[in-house]
Amino acid sequence: MPSYDIDDLRALVLKRLRVSDTTRYSVDNESDDYDWIDDSLNQGQEIFARETHCIRTPVILQPKANYRVYRLPEGFLDLEAAWYYDTGLTKGYKELSIVTIEELNNMFDDWRTDTGEPEYMYIDRIFGTNWTVGIYPIPESDGDEPTPDATYAQEVEWVCPLYTYNQDYITVSKTDGIVYFLNNTEDIIGEPATVNKCIWMEISRLPALIKDGSITATSGVDHPEIPKEYHNSIVDYAVADLLENNPEDSAEFKRSQLMKAKFLADIKSYISRRKKPITGRDVRSRAACWNWLGNMNFYSQQP
């Protein structure tokens, strides 16, 4: 299965639009540019990631003494899991419970002011363009500054693409704000930074924009971040988006609905595949509980 770059994606869109150049899909019907095509491709990738939560990134949150709420990285979608790491703990990591503000109101009268070692995390509110996350109890001391590995990690100014080395990391620092790290070699898979008394989170996020240019500290990426077997899906979405805006051509409008249906079917397929248990094992039997487990509320949610 190929991993398409931006040139491949553009060529596939033109093929399925049944045109040889971009003039019909330019702002003035004369220019030969890919602005509208690229915009539709990025819309498709964003919708796919938002509906499936397929892009997950580790985040190191460095607590600050007496601070309860922290800003999350741009593009945040959901908090999947969280652990508090302390070298003084027997097992090092302690999993934190993810709760709502309503649950905290019911469980603790003084959760907005109580201090201690973190036990719970909750999504608070949008502040500006970013979501915020809260910690209970409020940390009593600063977490140690995450130290990047000088050999295997480099600091960049944007959320790094997962397709490069299948690893990217974000640190939310008490001094520097949000910092992004990228493993700079494919020979190592692991933590690019050492941490202590920090919170290790796994979040789902929106993808970086697909656009021209090599990968630098400030550039975008020229490959989609969604799994490569679904790269064709965002081509279908882009074609549907462009065709349905041709009201003068009813046949093309009808074809756009077919393309959009294929895109939505791929989203449904991805979600369904992620929920199947014991994938890859042919046990030739299935426990009876799996027949009804899919109807439970927690299991029917997005992966």
Protein backbone atom coordinates (compact mmCIF):
# COMPACT_ATOMS: atom_id res chain seq x y z
CA MET A 1 0.00 0.00 0.00
CA PRO A 2 1.66 3.27 -1.11
CA SER A 3 2.06 6.30 1.12
CA TYR A 4 1.00 9.23 -1.02
CA ASP A 5 2.75 12.60 -0.92
CA ILE A 6 1.07 15.83 -1.93
CA ASP A 7 1.93 15.41 -5.62
CA ASP A 8 0.40 11.92 -5.66
CA LEU A 9 -2.74 13.16 -3.92
CA ARG A 10 -3.19 16.05 -6.35
CA ALA A 11 -2.75 13.76 -9.34
CA LEU A 12 -5.35 11.31 -8.00
CA VAL A 13 -7.83 14.13 -7.40
CA LEU A 14 -7.44 15.38 -10.98
CA LYS A 15 -7.84 11.84 -12.29
CA ARG A 16 -11.10 11.30 -10.41
CA LEU A 17 -12.33 14.76 -11.40
CA ARG A 18 -11.68 13.69 -15.01
CA VAL A 19 -9.69 16.81 -15.80
CA SER A 20 -6.07 17.27 -16.85
CA ASP A 21 -5.43 20.65 -15.20
CA THR A 22 -6.75 22.71 -12.31
CA THR A 23 -8.24 25.66 -14.19
CA ARG A 24 -11.86 24.58 -13.64
CA TYR A 25 -11.19 24.33 -9.92
CA SER A 26 -9.32 27.61 -9.49
CA VAL A 27 -10.70 30.83 -8.07
CA ASP A 28 -11.07 32.56 -11.46
CA ASN A 29 -11.49 29.48 -13.70
CA GLU A 30 -8.24 30.45 -15.42
CA SER A 31 -5.35 30.07 -12.97
CA ASP A 32 -3.47 26.79 -12.84
CA ASP A 33 -3.01 26.29 -9.09
CA TYR A 34 -3.89 23.70 -6.47
CA ASP A 35 -5.28 25.96 -3.74
CA TRP A 36 -8.82 24.56 -3.81
CA ILE A 37 -7.62 20.97 -4.18
CA ASP A 38 -5.19 21.28 -1.26
CA ASP A 39 -7.89 22.87 0.88
CA SER A 40 -10.27 19.99 0.19
CA LEU A 41 -7.57 17.39 0.91
CA ASN A 42 -6.83 19.01 4.26
CA GLN A 43 -10.54 19.21 5.10
CA GLY A 44 -10.88 15.49 4.39
CA GLN A 45 -7.87 14.60 6.55
CA GLU A 46 -9.14 16.76 9.41
CA ILE A 47 -12.62 15.20 9.34
CA PHE A 48 -11.13 11.69 9.22
CA ALA A 49 -8.88 12.39 12.22
CA ARG A 50 -11.65 14.13 14.18
CA GLU A 51 -14.11 11.27 13.70
CA THR A 52 -11.67 8.40 14.28
CA HIS A 53 -9.14 9.86 16.76
CA CYS A 54 -6.51 8.00 14.72
CA ILE A 55 -3.68 10.47 15.45
CA ARG A 56 -2.42 10.05 19.00
CA THR A 57 0.52 11.90 20.50
CA PRO A 58 2.31 11.62 23.86
CA VAL A 59 2.33 14.86 25.86
CA ILE A 60 4.57 15.57 28.85
CA LEU A 61 2.90 18.07 31.17
CA GLN A 62 5.28 19.69 33.64
CA PRO A 63 3.22 20.76 36.68
CA LYS A 64 3.83 24.06 38.45
CA ALA A 65 3.28 24.37 42.19
CA ASN A 66 -0.18 25.73 43.08
CA TYR A 67 -1.32 25.84 39.42
CA ARG A 68 -4.48 23.84 38.72
CA VAL A 69 -5.20 24.44 35.00
CA TYR A 70 -2.85 24.13 32.01
CA ARG A 71 -3.16 24.96 28.32
CA LEU A 72 -3.25 22.01 25.91
CA PRO A 73 -1.54 21.94 22.49
CA GLU A 74 -3.21 23.38 19.42
CA GLY A 75 -5.33 20.84 17.56
CA PHE A 76 -6.24 18.92 20.73
CA LEU A 77 -9.25 16.62 20.32
CA ASP A 78 -9.43 14.40 23.38
CA LEU A 79 -7.50 13.17 26.41
CA GLU A 80 -7.11 9.41 25.99
CA ALA A 81 -5.04 8.50 29.10
CA ALA A 82 -2.78 10.07 31.73
CA TRP A 83 -0.09 8.90 34.17
CA TYR A 84 1.86 10.66 36.90
CA TYR A 85 5.55 9.74 36.89
CA ASP A 86 7.70 9.98 40.00
CA THR A 87 10.99 8.16 40.51
CA GLY A 88 10.06 7.80 44.17
CA LEU A 89 7.07 5.58 43.35
CA THR A 90 7.57 1.81 43.46
CA LYS A 91 6.42 1.35 39.87
CA GLY A 92 7.32 4.83 38.66
CA TYR A 93 4.05 5.47 36.83
CA LYS A 94 0.66 5.95 38.49
CA GLU A 95 -2.40 6.08 36.23
CA LEU A 96 -4.64 9.09 36.78
CA SER A 97 -8.43 8.92 36.57
CA ILE A 98 -9.98 11.13 33.89
CA VAL A 99 -13.19 12.70 35.19
CA THR A 100 -15.51 15.61 34.49
CA ILE A 101 -15.96 18.78 36.54
CA GLU A 102 -19.43 17.54 37.48
CA GLU A 103 -17.93 14.34 38.92
CA LEU A 104 -15.41 16.34 40.94
CA ASN A 105 -18.25 18.50 42.29
CA ASN A 106 -19.99 15.36 43.52
CA MET A 107 -16.89 13.71 44.98
CA PHE A 108 -14.94 16.56 46.59
CA ASP A 109 -16.16 19.81 48.12
CA ASP A 110 -12.72 21.42 48.05
CA TRP A 111 -11.34 20.15 44.74
CA ARG A 112 -10.71 23.69 43.46
CA THR A 113 -8.31 24.45 46.32
CA ASP A 114 -7.08 21.10 47.69
CA THR A 115 -3.37 20.36 47.11
CA GLY A 116 -1.37 17.14 47.01
CA GLU A 117 -0.07 14.48 44.64
CA PRO A 118 -2.11 14.33 41.37
CA GLU A 119 -4.89 11.73 41.29
CA TYR A 120 -7.38 13.05 38.71
CA MET A 121 -7.39 14.99 35.44
CA TYR A 122 -10.26 16.75 33.71
CA ILE A 123 -10.82 18.81 30.57
CA ASP A 124 -11.72 22.31 31.69
CA ARG A 125 -12.69 24.78 28.94
CA ILE A 126 -11.49 26.48 25.79
CA PHE A 127 -9.23 29.46 26.56
CA GLY A 128 -8.70 31.43 23.36
CA THR A 129 -8.06 28.79 20.70
CA ASN A 130 -6.79 26.07 23.05
CA TRP A 131 -8.46 23.62 25.39
CA THR A 132 -7.24 23.53 28.98
CA VAL A 133 -6.75 20.58 31.31
CA GLY A 134 -6.97 20.58 35.11
CA ILE A 135 -5.24 18.52 37.82
CA TYR A 136 -6.67 17.41 41.16
CA PRO A 137 -5.28 17.71 43.76
CA ILE A 138 -3.38 20.83 42.76
CA PRO A 139 0.37 20.04 42.63
CA GLU A 140 2.32 21.19 45.66
CA SER A 141 5.68 21.35 43.86
CA ASP A 142 7.10 21.96 40.39
CA GLY A 143 7.75 19.03 38.11
CA ASP A 144 11.33 18.64 36.90
CA GLU A 145 12.09 20.28 33.55
CA PRO A 146 11.83 17.61 30.81
CA THR A 147 15.32 17.06 29.41
CA PRO A 148 15.51 16.22 25.70
CA ASP A 149 17.96 13.57 24.59
CA ALA A 150 20.72 15.44 22.76
CA THR A 151 21.37 12.51 20.40
CA TYR A 152 17.91 11.38 19.44
CA ALA A 153 15.61 14.38 19.74
CA GLN A 154 15.32 17.81 18.20
CA GLU A 155 13.07 20.70 19.15
CA VAL A 156 10.69 22.02 16.49
CA GLU A 157 8.07 24.76 16.44
CA TRP A 158 5.02 22.74 15.44
CA VAL A 159 3.44 19.35 16.07
CA CYS A 160 5.70 16.97 14.20
CA PRO A 161 4.40 14.52 11.58
CA LEU A 162 3.84 10.97 12.75
CA TYR A 163 4.63 9.54 9.33
CA THR A 164 8.34 10.45 9.53
CA TYR A 165 9.57 8.22 12.34
CA ASN A 166 6.20 7.25 13.85
CA GLN A 167 6.99 9.27 16.95
CA ASP A 168 6.38 12.81 18.06
CA TYR A 169 6.19 14.33 21.51
CA ILE A 170 4.87 17.50 23.06
CA THR A 171 5.93 19.01 26.36
CA VAL A 172 3.82 21.58 28.17
CA SER A 173 6.49 23.36 30.19
CA LYS A 174 5.96 25.73 33.12
CA THR A 175 8.65 28.04 31.71
CA ASP A 176 8.58 27.69 27.92
CA GLY A 177 4.92 26.99 27.27
CA ILE A 178 4.31 24.28 24.67
CA VAL A 179 7.41 22.71 23.14
CA TYR A 180 7.48 20.03 20.42
CA PHE A 181 10.08 17.31 20.07
CA LEU A 182 10.71 14.98 17.15
CA ASN A 183 12.81 11.83 17.18
CA ASN A 184 15.48 12.68 14.63
CA THR A 185 16.48 9.12 13.77
CA GLU A 186 14.46 6.10 12.72
CA ASP A 187 16.83 3.84 14.69
CA ILE A 188 15.33 4.71 18.08
CA ILE A 189 11.77 4.39 19.32
CA GLY A 190 11.36 5.65 22.85
CA GLU A 191 11.27 8.70 25.02
CA PRO A 192 13.26 11.68 23.70
CA ALA A 193 13.16 13.33 27.11
CA THR A 194 13.68 12.27 30.73
CA VAL A 195 10.98 13.35 33.18
CA ASN A 196 10.25 13.29 36.91
CA LYS A 197 7.21 14.47 38.88
CA CYS A 198 5.55 15.16 35.54
CA ILE A 199 2.34 13.94 33.94
CA TRP A 200 2.54 11.80 30.83
CA MET A 201 -0.62 12.14 28.73
CA GLU A 202 -1.78 10.53 25.52
CA ILE A 203 -3.96 12.82 23.45
CA SER A 204 -5.67 12.60 20.09
CA ARG A 205 -5.16 15.63 17.89
CA LEU A 206 -5.82 17.12 14.47
CA PRO A 207 -3.26 16.48 11.72
CA ALA A 208 -0.71 18.93 10.41
CA LEU A 209 -1.64 20.53 7.10
CA ILE A 210 -0.51 18.79 3.94
CA LYS A 211 1.39 21.26 1.81
CA ASP A 212 4.50 21.77 -0.33
CA GLY A 213 7.92 21.98 1.25
CA SER A 214 10.44 19.87 3.09
CA ILE A 215 10.12 19.20 6.79
CA THR A 216 11.75 21.98 8.79
CA ALA A 217 11.18 23.54 12.19
CA THR A 218 8.31 25.65 10.89
CA SER A 219 7.03 23.92 7.74
CA GLY A 220 4.04 21.72 7.12
CA VAL A 221 4.19 18.17 5.85
CA ASP A 222 3.88 16.74 2.36
CA HIS A 223 2.23 13.46 3.45
CA PRO A 224 -1.06 12.85 5.26
CA GLU A 225 -0.75 11.82 8.91
CA ILE A 226 -3.71 9.43 8.85
CA PRO A 227 -2.90 5.70 8.29
CA LYS A 228 -1.63 5.21 4.76
CA GLU A 229 -4.26 2.62 3.86
CA TYR A 230 -6.79 5.47 4.12
CA HIS A 231 -4.96 8.04 2.00
CA ASN A 232 -7.34 7.24 -0.84
CA SER A 233 -10.20 8.22 1.45
CA ILE A 234 -9.21 11.87 1.61
CA VAL A 235 -8.87 11.88 -2.17
CA ASP A 236 -12.50 10.72 -2.34
CA TYR A 237 -13.49 13.50 0.04
CA ALA A 238 -11.63 16.16 -1.98
CA VAL A 239 -13.27 15.00 -5.21
CA ALA A 240 -16.71 15.01 -3.55
CA ASP A 241 -16.17 18.49 -2.12
CA LEU A 242 -15.11 19.92 -5.49
CA LEU A 243 -17.77 18.14 -7.57
CA GLU A 244 -20.71 19.11 -5.36
CA ASN A 245 -19.86 22.76 -5.99
CA ASN A 246 -20.59 22.34 -9.71
CA PRO A 247 -24.33 23.07 -9.64
CA GLU A 248 -24.42 23.42 -13.41
CA ASP A 249 -23.56 19.75 -13.82
CA SER A 250 -26.14 17.49 -12.16
CA ALA A 251 -24.34 14.29 -13.17
CA GLU A 252 -21.16 15.42 -11.43
CA PHE A 253 -23.15 16.45 -8.38
CA LYS A 254 -24.61 12.93 -8.16
CA ARG A 255 -21.13 11.47 -8.48
CA SER A 256 -19.99 13.66 -5.59
CA GLN A 257 -22.50 11.95 -3.32
CA LEU A 258 -21.05 8.54 -4.23
CA MET A 259 -17.54 9.77 -3.40
CA LYS A 260 -18.67 11.20 -0.09
CA ALA A 261 -20.42 7.95 0.79
CA LYS A 262 -17.17 6.05 0.14
CA PHE A 263 -15.32 8.46 2.44
CA LEU A 264 -17.86 8.04 5.25
CA ALA A 265 -17.78 4.26 4.80
CA ASP A 266 -14.00 4.29 5.30
CA ILE A 267 -14.42 6.24 8.54
CA LYS A 268 -16.94 3.67 9.74
CA SER A 269 -14.61 0.86 8.68
CA TYR A 270 -11.68 2.33 10.63
CA ILE A 271 -13.73 2.73 13.82
CA SER A 272 -15.10 -0.80 13.51
CA ARG A 273 -11.66 -2.33 12.97
CA ARG A 274 -10.19 -0.56 16.00
CA LYS A 275 -12.86 -2.02 18.26
CA LYS A 276 -12.33 -5.68 17.38
CA PRO A 277 -10.69 -7.64 20.23
CA ILE A 278 -7.77 -10.08 19.93
CA THR A 279 -7.00 -8.94 16.41
CA GLY A 280 -4.68 -11.28 14.54
CA ARG A 281 -5.47 -14.39 16.57
CA ASP A 282 -7.58 -17.11 15.06
CA VAL A 283 -8.95 -18.68 18.22
CA ARG A 284 -11.83 -20.34 16.31
CA SER A 285 -14.16 -19.44 19.14
CA ARG A 286 -15.66 -16.29 20.53
CA ALA A 287 -16.82 -15.58 24.04
CA ALA A 288 -20.55 -14.97 24.31
CA CYS A 289 -19.99 -11.61 25.97
CA TRP A 290 -18.59 -10.06 22.79
CA ASN A 291 -22.04 -10.33 21.20
CA TRP A 292 -23.51 -7.82 23.62
CA LEU A 293 -20.43 -5.84 24.62
CA GLY A 294 -20.70 -3.67 21.50
CA ASN A 295 -23.99 -2.28 22.81
CA MET A 296 -22.46 -0.96 26.03
CA ASN A 297 -22.09 2.83 26.16
CA PHE A 298 -18.35 2.86 26.89
CA TYR A 299 -17.66 0.44 24.04
CA SER A 300 -19.78 2.24 21.45
CA GLN A 301 -17.80 5.45 21.85
CA GLN A 302 -15.05 6.50 19.48
CA PRO A 303 -11.76 4.57 19.87
